Amino acid sequence: MLTPADFPFAVGEDVARRVLAVARTIAPCLDSLPDESEEKKTAIAILTAVGAEVVARGSRQVASQRIGPAAVVYRDVGSAFTDDDRSALRGLCAAVTPAPGEPVGSFPKPSRSLERMWPEDC
């Protein structure tokens, strides 16, 4: 499981948590990446770069500016993810697919309505 402790010192814990929260909506499999795997190391590298972009608050992160009384409005954390970052994270999830023959997805819990549709004696 990815945690803020996986990030280097350049990114604070609060920023790391926010980046991880957005990243999990992009690629829900991030927490299932095996420890010490290349996929997890790649994910950490991508998320560290995104976190550094959030912290830098450069011109790419400015949503709007006013001159009188001076104000700068920054974009949200999700906008720090480039299209390349998003596709790379999704690609990591595609690399971690179940073995052939194993179930994929979630299945309904046994219930009386299912028992009527598929009785055990079939």
Foldseek 3Di string as FASTA:
>chain_A
DDALVLADPLADRVLLVQLVVLLCVLAVCLVVDDPPDPLVVVLNVLSNQLRNQVVVQDPQQWPDFDVVVTDTDGHDSNVSQDPVSSVSSNVSNVVDDDDPPDDDDDDDDDDPVVCVVPPPVD
